[in-house]
Amino acid sequence: MFLSYTIIRVIYHLRIKNMSIFDILSIVFIMFSSVVSFDLHSRQENKSTLPSWVKYVYPIYIGLAIIIFIMNWKYTILIFIICYIGTVLPILNIIGNILMSPFKPRVK
């Protein structure tokens, strides 16, 4: 509940600064892409310490891709190329690690 409220507040504040909804969806898509990339990478290494609700990020990620594709298919191809480059280089993994660091269990 708090996470969805926070996302709505961020979108509202970005909308005030004259960003289009397309720009906001692109930023959110890249954030979800980084979380998905980090989760896949951590599962491949069998070090998945992320919470179980991360599995609900995948349908949102696919839904955002479909929405962006419906809005502008040429821009979608550009976004997928950027995400692919970010996956090959560990940029998306680093962003995903930073985004998911508050949800990792603390080691004492």
N, C-alpha and C. Protein backbone atom coordinates (compact mmCIF):
# COMPACT_ATOMS: atom_id res chain seq x y z
N MET A 1 0.83 -1.19 0.00
CA MET A 1 0.00 0.00 0.00
C MET A 1 0.87 1.25 0.00
N PHE A 2 1.87 1.28 0.87
CA PHE A 2 2.74 2.43 0.95
C PHE A 2 3.55 2.60 -0.33
N LEU A 3 4.00 1.46 -0.90
CA LEU A 3 4.80 1.52 -2.12
C LEU A 3 3.98 2.08 -3.27
N SER A 4 2.74 1.66 -3.41
CA SER A 4 1.91 2.18 -4.51
C SER A 4 1.60 3.66 -4.30
N TYR A 5 1.38 4.07 -3.06
CA TYR A 5 1.15 5.49 -2.77
C TYR A 5 2.37 6.32 -3.11
N THR A 6 3.56 5.80 -2.79
CA THR A 6 4.79 6.50 -3.09
C THR A 6 4.99 6.63 -4.60
N ILE A 7 4.71 5.57 -5.34
CA ILE A 7 4.84 5.62 -6.80
C ILE A 7 3.88 6.64 -7.38
N ILE A 8 2.66 6.70 -6.87
CA ILE A 8 1.68 7.67 -7.36
C ILE A 8 2.14 9.09 -7.06
N ARG A 9 2.70 9.32 -5.87
CA ARG A 9 3.21 10.66 -5.54
C ARG A 9 4.36 11.07 -6.44
N VAL A 10 5.27 10.14 -6.73
CA VAL A 10 6.40 10.44 -7.60
C VAL A 10 5.91 10.77 -9.00
N ILE A 11 4.96 9.99 -9.52
CA ILE A 11 4.41 10.25 -10.85
C ILE A 11 3.72 11.61 -10.87
N TYR A 12 3.00 11.95 -9.82
CA TYR A 12 2.32 13.24 -9.77
C TYR A 12 3.32 14.39 -9.79
N HIS A 13 4.39 14.28 -9.00
CA HIS A 13 5.38 15.34 -8.96
C HIS A 13 6.15 15.45 -10.27
N LEU A 14 6.42 14.32 -10.92
CA LEU A 14 7.07 14.38 -12.22
C LEU A 14 6.16 14.97 -13.27
N ARG A 15 4.88 14.71 -13.16
CA ARG A 15 3.92 15.24 -14.12
C ARG A 15 3.82 16.76 -14.00
N ILE A 16 3.99 17.27 -12.81
CA ILE A 16 3.94 18.72 -12.60
C ILE A 16 5.10 19.39 -13.35
N LYS A 17 6.23 18.74 -13.46
CA LYS A 17 7.39 19.32 -14.12
C LYS A 17 7.34 19.12 -15.63
N ASN A 18 6.16 18.92 -16.19
CA ASN A 18 5.91 18.82 -17.62
C ASN A 18 6.58 17.63 -18.29
N MET A 19 6.73 16.55 -17.57
CA MET A 19 7.17 15.31 -18.20
C MET A 19 5.92 14.63 -18.75
N SER A 20 6.05 14.05 -19.90
CA SER A 20 4.90 13.35 -20.47
C SER A 20 4.74 12.00 -19.77
N ILE A 21 3.57 11.43 -19.90
CA ILE A 21 3.32 10.12 -19.29
C ILE A 21 4.20 9.06 -19.94
N PHE A 22 4.58 9.30 -21.19
CA PHE A 22 5.46 8.37 -21.89
C PHE A 22 6.85 8.36 -21.26
N ASP A 23 7.36 9.52 -20.89
CA ASP A 23 8.66 9.60 -20.22
C ASP A 23 8.62 8.92 -18.85
N ILE A 24 7.53 9.13 -18.14
CA ILE A 24 7.38 8.52 -16.82
C ILE A 24 7.32 7.00 -16.94
N LEU A 25 6.56 6.49 -17.92
CA LEU A 25 6.48 5.04 -18.13
C LEU A 25 7.84 4.47 -18.52
N SER A 26 8.62 5.20 -19.27
CA SER A 26 9.95 4.73 -19.66
C SER A 26 10.87 4.62 -18.45
N ILE A 27 10.83 5.61 -17.58
CA ILE A 27 11.66 5.58 -16.37
C ILE A 27 11.24 4.43 -15.46
N VAL A 28 9.94 4.26 -15.29
CA VAL A 28 9.43 3.17 -14.45
C VAL A 28 9.79 1.82 -15.06
N PHE A 29 9.71 1.72 -16.40
CA PHE A 29 10.07 0.47 -17.08
C PHE A 29 11.53 0.13 -16.86
N ILE A 30 12.42 1.11 -16.94
CA ILE A 30 13.84 0.84 -16.73
C ILE A 30 14.10 0.46 -15.27
N MET A 31 13.36 1.05 -14.33
CA MET A 31 13.51 0.66 -12.93
C MET A 31 13.07 -0.79 -12.72
N PHE A 32 11.92 -1.16 -13.29
CA PHE A 32 11.45 -2.54 -13.16
C PHE A 32 12.39 -3.49 -13.90
N SER A 33 12.94 -3.05 -15.02
CA SER A 33 13.89 -3.88 -15.76
C SER A 33 15.14 -4.14 -14.92
N SER A 34 15.58 -3.15 -14.18
CA SER A 34 16.76 -3.35 -13.34
C SER A 34 16.48 -4.32 -12.20
N VAL A 35 15.28 -4.26 -11.63
CA VAL A 35 14.92 -5.20 -10.56
C VAL A 35 14.82 -6.62 -11.10
N VAL A 36 14.21 -6.77 -12.28
CA VAL A 36 14.10 -8.09 -12.90
C VAL A 36 15.48 -8.64 -13.24
N SER A 37 16.35 -7.80 -13.80
CA SER A 37 17.70 -8.23 -14.15
C SER A 37 18.48 -8.66 -12.91
N PHE A 38 18.36 -7.88 -11.84
CA PHE A 38 19.07 -8.23 -10.60
C PHE A 38 18.52 -9.53 -10.01
N ASP A 39 17.21 -9.72 -10.06
CA ASP A 39 16.61 -10.94 -9.53
C ASP A 39 17.05 -12.16 -10.35
N LEU A 40 17.05 -12.04 -11.66
CA LEU A 40 17.50 -13.16 -12.50
C LEU A 40 18.96 -13.48 -12.26
N HIS A 41 19.78 -12.46 -12.11
CA HIS A 41 21.20 -12.67 -11.86
C HIS A 41 21.44 -13.34 -10.50
N SER A 42 20.70 -12.91 -9.49
CA SER A 42 20.89 -13.51 -8.17
C SER A 42 20.35 -14.94 -8.12
N ARG A 43 19.31 -15.23 -8.89
CA ARG A 43 18.81 -16.61 -8.94
C ARG A 43 19.77 -17.54 -9.67
N GLN A 44 20.46 -17.02 -10.68
CA GLN A 44 21.43 -17.85 -11.40
C GLN A 44 22.60 -18.23 -10.50
N GLU A 45 22.94 -17.35 -9.58
CA GLU A 45 24.03 -17.64 -8.65
C GLU A 45 23.55 -18.37 -7.40
N ASN A 46 22.26 -18.67 -7.32
CA ASN A 46 21.64 -19.33 -6.16
C ASN A 46 21.86 -18.53 -4.88
N LYS A 47 21.82 -17.20 -5.00
CA LYS A 47 21.97 -16.32 -3.85
C LYS A 47 20.73 -15.45 -3.68
N SER A 48 19.60 -15.94 -4.08
CA SER A 48 18.39 -15.12 -4.05
C SER A 48 17.94 -14.88 -2.61
N THR A 49 18.18 -13.68 -2.12
CA THR A 49 17.77 -13.30 -0.77
C THR A 49 16.68 -12.25 -0.82
N LEU A 50 16.09 -12.06 -1.99
CA LEU A 50 15.06 -11.06 -2.13
C LEU A 50 13.73 -11.59 -1.60
N PRO A 51 12.83 -10.70 -1.19
CA PRO A 51 11.55 -11.14 -0.67
C PRO A 51 10.69 -11.81 -1.75
N SER A 52 9.66 -12.50 -1.31
CA SER A 52 8.83 -13.27 -2.24
C SER A 52 7.94 -12.40 -3.11
N TRP A 53 7.71 -11.15 -2.73
CA TRP A 53 6.84 -10.29 -3.54
C TRP A 53 7.50 -9.82 -4.81
N VAL A 54 8.79 -10.10 -4.99
CA VAL A 54 9.50 -9.69 -6.21
C VAL A 54 8.94 -10.43 -7.42
N LYS A 55 8.35 -11.60 -7.21
CA LYS A 55 7.79 -12.33 -8.35
C LYS A 55 6.61 -11.59 -8.98
N TYR A 56 6.02 -10.63 -8.28
CA TYR A 56 4.93 -9.84 -8.85
C TYR A 56 5.45 -8.69 -9.71
N VAL A 57 6.75 -8.48 -9.72
CA VAL A 57 7.33 -7.42 -10.54
C VAL A 57 7.33 -7.85 -12.01
N TYR A 58 7.46 -9.14 -12.27
CA TYR A 58 7.53 -9.64 -13.64
C TYR A 58 6.29 -9.31 -14.47
N PRO A 59 5.06 -9.56 -13.97
CA PRO A 59 3.88 -9.18 -14.78
C PRO A 59 3.77 -7.68 -15.00
N ILE A 60 4.17 -6.89 -14.01
CA ILE A 60 4.15 -5.43 -14.18
C ILE A 60 5.16 -5.02 -15.25
N TYR A 61 6.32 -5.66 -15.24
CA TYR A 61 7.36 -5.40 -16.24
C TYR A 61 6.84 -5.71 -17.65
N ILE A 62 6.19 -6.84 -17.81
CA ILE A 62 5.65 -7.21 -19.12
C ILE A 62 4.50 -6.28 -19.50
N GLY A 63 3.66 -5.93 -18.54
CA GLY A 63 2.56 -5.00 -18.82
C GLY A 63 3.05 -3.63 -19.26
N LEU A 64 4.09 -3.14 -18.60
CA LEU A 64 4.66 -1.85 -19.01
C LEU A 64 5.25 -1.93 -20.42
N ALA A 65 5.88 -3.06 -20.74
CA ALA A 65 6.43 -3.22 -22.09
C ALA A 65 5.32 -3.20 -23.13
N ILE A 66 4.20 -3.84 -22.84
CA ILE A 66 3.07 -3.86 -23.77
C ILE A 66 2.47 -2.46 -23.91
N ILE A 67 2.33 -1.75 -22.80
CA ILE A 67 1.76 -0.39 -22.86
C ILE A 67 2.66 0.55 -23.66
N ILE A 68 3.97 0.47 -23.43
CA ILE A 68 4.89 1.32 -24.17
C ILE A 68 4.89 0.92 -25.65
N PHE A 69 4.75 -0.37 -25.94
CA PHE A 69 4.69 -0.82 -27.33
C PHE A 69 3.44 -0.29 -28.03
N ILE A 70 2.33 -0.28 -27.34
CA ILE A 70 1.09 0.24 -27.92
C ILE A 70 1.21 1.75 -28.17
N MET A 71 1.87 2.45 -27.26
CA MET A 71 1.98 3.90 -27.41
C MET A 71 2.92 4.28 -28.57
N ASN A 72 4.07 3.62 -28.68
CA ASN A 72 5.02 3.95 -29.74
C ASN A 72 5.96 2.76 -29.91
N TRP A 73 5.80 2.00 -30.96
CA TRP A 73 6.57 0.78 -31.13
C TRP A 73 8.03 1.07 -31.48
N LYS A 74 8.33 2.18 -32.14
CA LYS A 74 9.72 2.50 -32.47
C LYS A 74 10.52 2.84 -31.21
N TYR A 75 9.89 3.56 -30.32
CA TYR A 75 10.54 3.91 -29.06
C TYR A 75 10.72 2.67 -28.18
N THR A 76 9.80 1.73 -28.29
CA THR A 76 9.91 0.49 -27.52
C THR A 76 11.16 -0.29 -27.94
N ILE A 77 11.42 -0.33 -29.24
CA ILE A 77 12.62 -1.02 -29.71
C ILE A 77 13.87 -0.34 -29.14
N LEU A 78 13.88 0.99 -29.12
CA LEU A 78 15.01 1.73 -28.56
C LEU A 78 15.18 1.43 -27.06
N ILE A 79 14.08 1.39 -26.32
CA ILE A 79 14.13 1.08 -24.88
C ILE A 79 14.65 -0.34 -24.66
N PHE A 80 14.21 -1.31 -25.47
CA PHE A 80 14.70 -2.68 -25.32
C PHE A 80 16.19 -2.79 -25.64
N ILE A 81 16.66 -2.03 -26.63
CA ILE A 81 18.09 -2.03 -26.93
C ILE A 81 18.88 -1.44 -25.77
N ILE A 82 18.37 -0.36 -25.19
CA ILE A 82 19.03 0.24 -24.03
C ILE A 82 19.05 -0.73 -22.85
N CYS A 83 17.94 -1.41 -22.61
CA CYS A 83 17.90 -2.39 -21.51
C CYS A 83 18.81 -3.58 -21.78
N TYR A 84 18.90 -4.00 -23.04
CA TYR A 84 19.80 -5.10 -23.37
C TYR A 84 21.26 -4.71 -23.12
N ILE A 85 21.63 -3.52 -23.54
CA ILE A 85 23.00 -3.04 -23.30
C ILE A 85 23.25 -2.91 -21.80
N GLY A 86 22.23 -2.45 -21.06
CA GLY A 86 22.36 -2.34 -19.61
C GLY A 86 22.44 -3.69 -18.93
N THR A 87 21.90 -4.73 -19.56
CA THR A 87 22.00 -6.07 -18.99
C THR A 87 23.35 -6.70 -19.31
N VAL A 88 23.84 -6.50 -20.53
CA VAL A 88 25.14 -7.05 -20.90
C VAL A 88 26.24 -6.40 -20.06
N LEU A 89 26.23 -5.09 -20.02
CA LEU A 89 27.08 -4.40 -19.06
C LEU A 89 26.31 -4.46 -17.74
N PRO A 90 26.96 -4.56 -16.62
CA PRO A 90 26.20 -4.77 -15.38
C PRO A 90 25.52 -3.52 -14.82
N ILE A 91 25.11 -2.61 -15.68
CA ILE A 91 24.49 -1.36 -15.22
C ILE A 91 23.15 -1.64 -14.55
N LEU A 92 22.30 -2.43 -15.20
CA LEU A 92 20.98 -2.71 -14.62
C LEU A 92 21.09 -3.53 -13.34
N ASN A 93 22.07 -4.42 -13.25
CA ASN A 93 22.26 -5.18 -12.01
C ASN A 93 22.65 -4.26 -10.86
N ILE A 94 23.49 -3.28 -11.14
CA ILE A 94 23.91 -2.34 -10.09
C ILE A 94 22.73 -1.50 -9.64
N ILE A 95 21.93 -1.01 -10.60
CA ILE A 95 20.75 -0.22 -10.25
C ILE A 95 19.76 -1.07 -9.47
N GLY A 96 19.56 -2.32 -9.91
CA GLY A 96 18.66 -3.22 -9.19
C GLY A 96 19.15 -3.53 -7.79
N ASN A 97 20.45 -3.68 -7.63
CA ASN A 97 21.03 -3.92 -6.31
C ASN A 97 20.78 -2.72 -5.39
N ILE A 98 20.94 -1.52 -5.93
CA ILE A 98 20.70 -0.32 -5.13
C ILE A 98 19.23 -0.21 -4.76
N LEU A 99 18.34 -0.49 -5.72
CA LEU A 99 16.90 -0.38 -5.45
C LEU A 99 16.41 -1.43 -4.45
N MET A 100 16.98 -2.62 -4.50
CA MET A 100 16.51 -3.70 -3.64
C MET A 100 17.32 -3.85 -2.36
N SER A 101 18.33 -3.03 -2.14
CA SER A 101 19.14 -3.15 -0.93
C SER A 101 18.36 -2.97 0.36
N PRO A 102 17.32 -2.11 0.44
CA PRO A 102 16.58 -2.03 1.71
C PRO A 102 15.79 -3.29 2.03
N PHE A 103 15.54 -4.14 1.05
CA PHE A 103 14.72 -5.33 1.28
C PHE A 103 15.52 -6.59 1.52
N LYS A 104 16.84 -6.49 1.48
CA LYS A 104 17.68 -7.66 1.76
C LYS A 104 17.75 -7.86 3.26
N PRO A 105 17.82 -9.13 3.69
CA PRO A 105 17.97 -9.36 5.13
C PRO A 105 19.37 -8.93 5.60
N ARG A 106 19.41 -8.36 6.77
CA ARG A 106 20.67 -7.90 7.34
C ARG A 106 21.45 -9.09 7.91
N VAL A 107 22.73 -9.12 7.61
CA VAL A 107 23.59 -10.17 8.15
C VAL A 107 24.32 -9.61 9.35
N LYS A 108 24.22 -10.33 10.46
CA LYS A 108 24.86 -9.87 11.70
C LYS A 108 26.04 -10.72 12.04
